[in-house]
PDB file of all heavy atoms in Angstrom:
ATOM      1  N   PRO A   1     103.923 100.663 100.716  1.00  0.00           N
ATOM      2  CA  PRO A   1     103.094 101.762 101.220  1.00  0.00           C
ATOM      3  C   PRO A   1     101.758 101.822 100.474  1.00  0.00           C
ATOM      4  O   PRO A   1     101.721 101.690  99.249  1.00  0.00           O
ATOM      5  CB  PRO A   1     103.939 103.010 100.930  1.00  0.00           C
ATOM      6  CG  PRO A   1     105.344 102.506 100.848  1.00  0.00           C
ATOM      7  CD  PRO A   1     105.246 101.130 100.258  1.00  0.00           C
ATOM      8  N   PRO A   2     100.658 102.018 101.180  1.00  0.00           N
ATOM      9  CA  PRO A   2      99.340 102.019 100.530  1.00  0.00           C
ATOM     10  C   PRO A   2      99.124 103.195  99.585  1.00  0.00           C
ATOM     11  O   PRO A   2      98.210 103.158  98.762  1.00  0.00           O
ATOM     12  CB  PRO A   2      98.358 102.072 101.704  1.00  0.00           C
ATOM     13  CG  PRO A   2      99.142 102.595 102.851  1.00  0.00           C
ATOM     14  CD  PRO A   2     100.546 102.150 102.649  1.00  0.00           C
ATOM     15  N   ASP A   3      99.975 104.239  99.676  1.00  0.00           N
ATOM     16  CA  ASP A   3      99.808 105.382  98.776  1.00  0.00           C
ATOM     17  C   ASP A   3     100.608 105.234  97.478  1.00  0.00           C
ATOM     18  O   ASP A   3     100.647 106.146  96.660  1.00  0.00           O
ATOM     19  CB  ASP A   3     100.192 106.684  99.471  1.00  0.00           C
ATOM     20  CG  ASP A   3     101.638 106.686  99.983  1.00  0.00           C
ATOM     21  OD1 ASP A   3     102.287 105.622  99.946  1.00  0.00           O
ATOM     22  OD2 ASP A   3     102.115 107.765 100.405  1.00  0.00           O
ATOM     23  N   THR A   4     101.257 104.057  97.274  1.00  0.00           N
ATOM     24  CA  THR A   4     101.897 103.761  95.995  1.00  0.00           C
ATOM     25  C   THR A   4     100.907 103.013  95.107  1.00  0.00           C
ATOM     26  O   THR A   4      99.868 102.525  95.581  1.00  0.00           O
ATOM     27  CB  THR A   4     103.158 102.905  96.190  1.00  0.00           C
ATOM     28  OG1 THR A   4     102.783 101.651  96.797  1.00  0.00           O
ATOM     29  CG2 THR A   4     104.161 103.612  97.090  1.00  0.00           C
ATOM     30  N   LEU A   5     101.225 102.907  93.809  1.00  0.00           N
ATOM     31  CA  LEU A   5     100.319 102.218  92.895  1.00  0.00           C
ATOM     32  C   LEU A   5     100.144 100.755  93.282  1.00  0.00           C
ATOM     33  O   LEU A   5      99.024 100.246  93.354  1.00  0.00           O
ATOM     34  CB  LEU A   5     100.835 102.338  91.462  1.00  0.00           C
ATOM     35  CG  LEU A   5     100.718 103.722  90.820  1.00  0.00           C
ATOM     36  CD1 LEU A   5     101.417 103.742  89.472  1.00  0.00           C
ATOM     37  CD2 LEU A   5      99.256 104.122  90.665  1.00  0.00           C
ATOM     38  N   SER A   6     101.249 100.062  93.529  1.00  0.00           N
ATOM     39  CA  SER A   6     101.141  98.643  93.902  1.00  0.00           C
ATOM     40  C   SER A   6     100.458  98.501  95.257  1.00  0.00           C
ATOM     41  O   SER A   6      99.653  97.580  95.460  1.00  0.00           O
ATOM     42  CB  SER A   6     102.525  97.997  93.932  1.00  0.00           C
ATOM     43  OG  SER A   6     103.385  98.679  94.828  1.00  0.00           O
ATOM     44  N   GLY A   7     100.759  99.411  96.189  1.00  0.00           N
ATOM     45  CA  GLY A   7     100.121  99.342  97.496  1.00  0.00           C
ATOM     46  C   GLY A   7      98.622  99.562  97.427  1.00  0.00           C
ATOM     47  O   GLY A   7      97.848  98.931  98.158  1.00  0.00           O
ATOM     48  N   SER A   8      98.174 100.444  96.523  1.00  0.00           N
ATOM     49  CA  SER A   8      96.738 100.701  96.388  1.00  0.00           C
ATOM     50  C   SER A   8      96.016  99.493  95.797  1.00  0.00           C
ATOM     51  O   SER A   8      94.874  99.201  96.172  1.00  0.00           O
ATOM     52  CB  SER A   8      96.502 101.933  95.516  1.00  0.00           C
ATOM     53  OG  SER A   8      96.943 101.717  94.180  1.00  0.00           O
ATOM     54  N   VAL A   9      96.675  98.773  94.890  1.00  0.00           N
ATOM     55  CA  VAL A   9      96.078  97.564  94.317  1.00  0.00           C
ATOM     56  C   VAL A   9      95.920  96.491  95.394  1.00  0.00           C
ATOM     57  O   VAL A   9      94.899  95.795  95.473  1.00  0.00           O
ATOM     58  CB  VAL A   9      96.927  97.044  93.144  1.00  0.00           C
ATOM     59  CG1 VAL A   9      96.454  95.664  92.692  1.00  0.00           C
ATOM     60  CG2 VAL A   9      96.876  98.018  91.979  1.00  0.00           C
ATOM     61  N   ILE A  10      96.935  96.362  96.246  1.00  0.00           N
ATOM     62  CA  ILE A  10      96.872  95.384  97.337  1.00  0.00           C
ATOM     63  C   ILE A  10      95.778  95.759  98.335  1.00  0.00           C
ATOM     64  O   ILE A  10      95.003  94.901  98.784  1.00  0.00           O
ATOM     65  CB  ILE A  10      98.243  95.285  98.027  1.00  0.00           C
ATOM     66  CG1 ILE A  10      99.251  94.629  97.076  1.00  0.00           C
ATOM     67  CG2 ILE A  10      98.143  94.503  99.334  1.00  0.00           C
ATOM     68  CD1 ILE A  10     100.684  94.686  97.559  1.00  0.00           C
ATOM     69  N   ALA A  11      95.697  97.038  98.670  1.00  0.00           N
ATOM     70  CA  ALA A  11      94.649  97.478  99.599  1.00  0.00           C
ATOM     71  C   ALA A  11      93.266  97.178  99.043  1.00  0.00           C
ATOM     72  O   ALA A  11      92.355  96.756  99.775  1.00  0.00           O
ATOM     73  CB  ALA A  11      94.811  98.977  99.883  1.00  0.00           C
ATOM     74  N   GLN A  12      93.097  97.364  97.731  1.00  0.00           N
ATOM     75  CA  GLN A  12      91.812  97.079  97.102  1.00  0.00           C
ATOM     76  C   GLN A  12      91.495  95.589  97.151  1.00  0.00           C
ATOM     77  O   GLN A  12      90.336  95.193  97.314  1.00  0.00           O
ATOM     78  CB  GLN A  12      91.808  97.565  95.653  1.00  0.00           C
ATOM     79  CG  GLN A  12      90.468  97.403  94.945  1.00  0.00           C
ATOM     80  CD  GLN A  12      89.364  98.182  95.621  1.00  0.00           C
ATOM     81  OE1 GLN A  12      89.520  99.392  95.895  1.00  0.00           O
ATOM     82  NE2 GLN A  12      88.239  97.537  95.911  1.00  0.00           N
ATOM     83  N   ALA A  13      92.521  94.753  97.039  1.00  0.00           N
ATOM     84  CA  ALA A  13      92.304  93.298  97.108  1.00  0.00           C
ATOM     85  C   ALA A  13      91.751  92.892  98.467  1.00  0.00           C
ATOM     86  O   ALA A  13      90.884  92.006  98.559  1.00  0.00           O
ATOM     87  CB  ALA A  13      93.619  92.565  96.833  1.00  0.00           C
ATOM     88  N   PHE A  14      92.234  93.528  99.535  1.00  0.00           N
ATOM     89  CA  PHE A  14      91.683  93.245 100.866  1.00  0.00           C
ATOM     90  C   PHE A  14      90.253  93.766 100.974  1.00  0.00           C
ATOM     91  O   PHE A  14      89.377  93.076 101.514  1.00  0.00           O
ATOM     92  CB  PHE A  14      92.566  93.881 101.950  1.00  0.00           C
ATOM     93  CG  PHE A  14      93.786  93.069 102.292  1.00  0.00           C
ATOM     94  CD1 PHE A  14      94.985  93.270 101.625  1.00  0.00           C
ATOM     95  CD2 PHE A  14      93.738  92.101 103.281  1.00  0.00           C
ATOM     96  CE1 PHE A  14      96.115  92.530 101.937  1.00  0.00           C
ATOM     97  CE2 PHE A  14      94.861  91.337 103.605  1.00  0.00           C
ATOM     98  CZ  PHE A  14      96.049  91.560 102.930  1.00  0.00           C
ATOM     99  N   ARG A  15      90.004  94.975 100.448  1.00  0.00           N
ATOM    100  CA  ARG A  15      88.648  95.526 100.512  1.00  0.00           C
ATOM    101  C   ARG A  15      87.662  94.657  99.744  1.00  0.00           C
ATOM    102  O   ARG A  15      86.506  94.512 100.152  1.00  0.00           O
ATOM    103  CB  ARG A  15      88.634  96.954  99.972  1.00  0.00           C
ATOM    104  CG  ARG A  15      89.285  97.974 100.899  1.00  0.00           C
ATOM    105  CD  ARG A  15      88.942  99.397 100.501  1.00  0.00           C
ATOM    106  NE  ARG A  15      89.508  99.739  99.199  1.00  0.00           N
ATOM    107  CZ  ARG A  15      90.704 100.299  99.033  1.00  0.00           C
ATOM    108  NH1 ARG A  15      91.467 100.552 100.076  1.00  0.00           N
ATOM    109  NH2 ARG A  15      91.138 100.599  97.818  1.00  0.00           N
ATOM    110  N   ASP A  16      88.115  94.066  98.628  1.00  0.00           N
ATOM    111  CA  ASP A  16      87.245  93.194  97.844  1.00  0.00           C
ATOM    112  C   ASP A  16      86.804  91.966  98.637  1.00  0.00           C
ATOM    113  O   ASP A  16      85.796  91.346  98.306  1.00  0.00           O
ATOM    114  CB  ASP A  16      87.958  92.743  96.561  1.00  0.00           C
ATOM    115  CG  ASP A  16      88.149  93.881  95.572  1.00  0.00           C
ATOM    116  OD1 ASP A  16      87.431  94.890  95.678  1.00  0.00           O
ATOM    117  OD2 ASP A  16      89.030  93.769  94.695  1.00  0.00           O
ATOM    118  N   ARG A  17      87.578  91.617  99.652  1.00  0.00           N
ATOM    119  CA  ARG A  17      87.215  90.507 100.537  1.00  0.00           C
ATOM    120  C   ARG A  17      86.521  90.998 101.802  1.00  0.00           C
ATOM    121  O   ARG A  17      86.312  90.228 102.737  1.00  0.00           O
ATOM    122  CB  ARG A  17      88.478  89.715 100.923  1.00  0.00           C
ATOM    123  CG  ARG A  17      89.115  88.936  99.787  1.00  0.00           C
ATOM    124  CD  ARG A  17      88.273  87.720  99.426  1.00  0.00           C
ATOM    125  NE  ARG A  17      88.969  86.797  98.559  1.00  0.00           N
ATOM    126  CZ  ARG A  17      89.024  86.883  97.236  1.00  0.00           C
ATOM    127  NH1 ARG A  17      88.394  87.888  96.630  1.00  0.00           N
ATOM    128  NH2 ARG A  17      89.671  85.980  96.520  1.00  0.00           N
ATOM    129  N   GLY A  18      86.175  92.302 101.843  1.00  0.00           N
ATOM    130  CA  GLY A  18      85.539  92.859 103.019  1.00  0.00           C
ATOM    131  C   GLY A  18      86.481  93.039 104.180  1.00  0.00           C
ATOM    132  O   GLY A  18      86.046  93.057 105.346  1.00  0.00           O
ATOM    133  N   LEU A  19      87.776  93.224 103.907  1.00  0.00           N
ATOM    134  CA  LEU A  19      88.799  93.311 104.943  1.00  0.00           C
ATOM    135  C   LEU A  19      89.538  94.640 104.876  1.00  0.00           C
ATOM    136  O   LEU A  19      89.684  95.231 103.801  1.00  0.00           O
ATOM    137  CB  LEU A  19      89.823  92.174 104.779  1.00  0.00           C
ATOM    138  CG  LEU A  19      89.282  90.745 104.772  1.00  0.00           C
ATOM    139  CD1 LEU A  19      90.379  89.777 104.326  1.00  0.00           C
ATOM    140  CD2 LEU A  19      88.762  90.368 106.156  1.00  0.00           C
ATOM    141  N   ASP A  20      90.008  95.098 106.023  1.00  0.00           N
ATOM    142  CA  ASP A  20      90.960  96.196 106.053  1.00  0.00           C
ATOM    143  C   ASP A  20      92.358  95.635 105.844  1.00  0.00           C
ATOM    144  O   ASP A  20      92.581  94.422 105.934  1.00  0.00           O
ATOM    145  CB  ASP A  20      90.895  96.916 107.406  1.00  0.00           C
ATOM    146  CG  ASP A  20      89.562  97.609 107.624  1.00  0.00           C
ATOM    147  OD1 ASP A  20      88.990  98.118 106.625  1.00  0.00           O
ATOM    148  OD2 ASP A  20      89.091  97.640 108.779  1.00  0.00           O
ATOM    149  N   LEU A  21      93.306  96.520 105.576  1.00  0.00           N
ATOM    150  CA  LEU A  21      94.690  96.070 105.512  1.00  0.00           C
ATOM    151  C   LEU A  21      95.099  95.483 106.861  1.00  0.00           C
ATOM    152  O   LEU A  21      94.737  96.026 107.920  1.00  0.00           O
ATOM    153  CB  LEU A  21      95.626  97.216 105.156  1.00  0.00           C
ATOM    154  CG  LEU A  21      95.740  97.588 103.674  1.00  0.00           C
ATOM    155  CD1 LEU A  21      96.554  98.862 103.521  1.00  0.00           C
ATOM    156  CD2 LEU A  21      96.359  96.462 102.867  1.00  0.00           C
ATOM    157  N   PRO A  22      95.847  94.392 106.872  1.00  0.00           N
ATOM    158  CA  PRO A  22      96.263  93.818 108.156  1.00  0.00           C
ATOM    159  C   PRO A  22      97.300  94.695 108.831  1.00  0.00           C
ATOM    160  O   PRO A  22      97.978  95.500 108.173  1.00  0.00           O
ATOM    161  CB  PRO A  22      96.872  92.465 107.741  1.00  0.00           C
ATOM    162  CG  PRO A  22      97.383  92.708 106.358  1.00  0.00           C
ATOM    163  CD  PRO A  22      96.387  93.648 105.728  1.00  0.00           C
ATOM    164  N   PRO A  23      97.466  94.585 110.138  1.00  0.00           N
ATOM    165  CA  PRO A  23      98.563  95.287 110.805  1.00  0.00           C
ATOM    166  C   PRO A  23      99.893  94.882 110.163  1.00  0.00           C
ATOM    167  O   PRO A  23     100.163  93.697 109.968  1.00  0.00           O
ATOM    168  CB  PRO A  23      98.471  94.804 112.258  1.00  0.00           C
ATOM    169  CG  PRO A  23      97.048  94.366 112.415  1.00  0.00           C
ATOM    170  CD  PRO A  23      96.641  93.809 111.083  1.00  0.00           C
ATOM    171  N   THR A  24     100.692  95.871 109.801  1.00  0.00           N
ATOM    172  CA  THR A  24     101.914  95.610 109.039  1.00  0.00           C
ATOM    173  C   THR A  24     103.128  95.946 109.892  1.00  0.00           C
ATOM    174  O   THR A  24     103.242  97.059 110.423  1.00  0.00           O
ATOM    175  CB  THR A  24     101.931  96.451 107.753  1.00  0.00           C
ATOM    176  OG1 THR A  24     100.726  96.190 107.019  1.00  0.00           O
ATOM    177  CG2 THR A  24     103.121  96.089 106.890  1.00  0.00           C
ATOM    178  N   THR A  25     104.054  94.995 109.994  1.00  0.00           N
ATOM    179  CA  THR A  25     105.241  95.185 110.826  1.00  0.00           C
ATOM    180  C   THR A  25     106.221  96.151 110.184  1.00  0.00           C
ATOM    181  O   THR A  25     106.782  97.019 110.843  1.00  0.00           O
ATOM    182  CB  THR A  25     105.934  93.830 111.083  1.00  0.00           C
ATOM    183  OG1 THR A  25     104.999  92.941 111.702  1.00  0.00           O
ATOM    184  CG2 THR A  25     107.144  94.002 111.987  1.00  0.00           C
ATOM    185  N   ILE A  26     106.454  95.996 108.866  1.00  0.00           N
ATOM    186  CA  ILE A  26     107.347  96.907 108.168  1.00  0.00           C
ATOM    187  C   ILE A  26     106.740  97.253 106.814  1.00  0.00           C
ATOM    188  O   ILE A  26     106.307  96.363 106.075  1.00  0.00           O
ATOM    189  CB  ILE A  26     108.772  96.332 108.001  1.00  0.00           C
ATOM    190  CG1 ILE A  26     109.659  97.319 107.233  1.00  0.00           C
ATOM    191  CG2 ILE A  26     108.751  94.979 107.339  1.00  0.00           C
ATOM    192  CD1 ILE A  26     111.134  96.963 107.262  1.00  0.00           C
ATOM    193  N   ILE A  27     106.684  98.535 106.509  1.00  0.00           N
ATOM    194  CA  ILE A  27     106.113  99.020 105.251  1.00  0.00           C
ATOM    195  C   ILE A  27     107.267  99.470 104.360  1.00  0.00           C
ATOM    196  O   ILE A  27     108.011 100.394 104.712  1.00  0.00           O
ATOM    197  CB  ILE A  27     105.143 100.187 105.502  1.00  0.00           C
ATOM    198  CG1 ILE A  27     103.974  99.715 106.385  1.00  0.00           C
ATOM    199  CG2 ILE A  27     104.621 100.745 104.187  1.00  0.00           C
ATOM    200  CD1 ILE A  27     103.053 100.837 106.825  1.00  0.00           C
TER     201      ILE A  27
END
């Protein structure tokens, strides 16, 4: 989940590449 600590780090990694989070089948 993007509202967890690990999820927020992953979301930031996509933003650093100029990307949104990809469509996710299961969170």
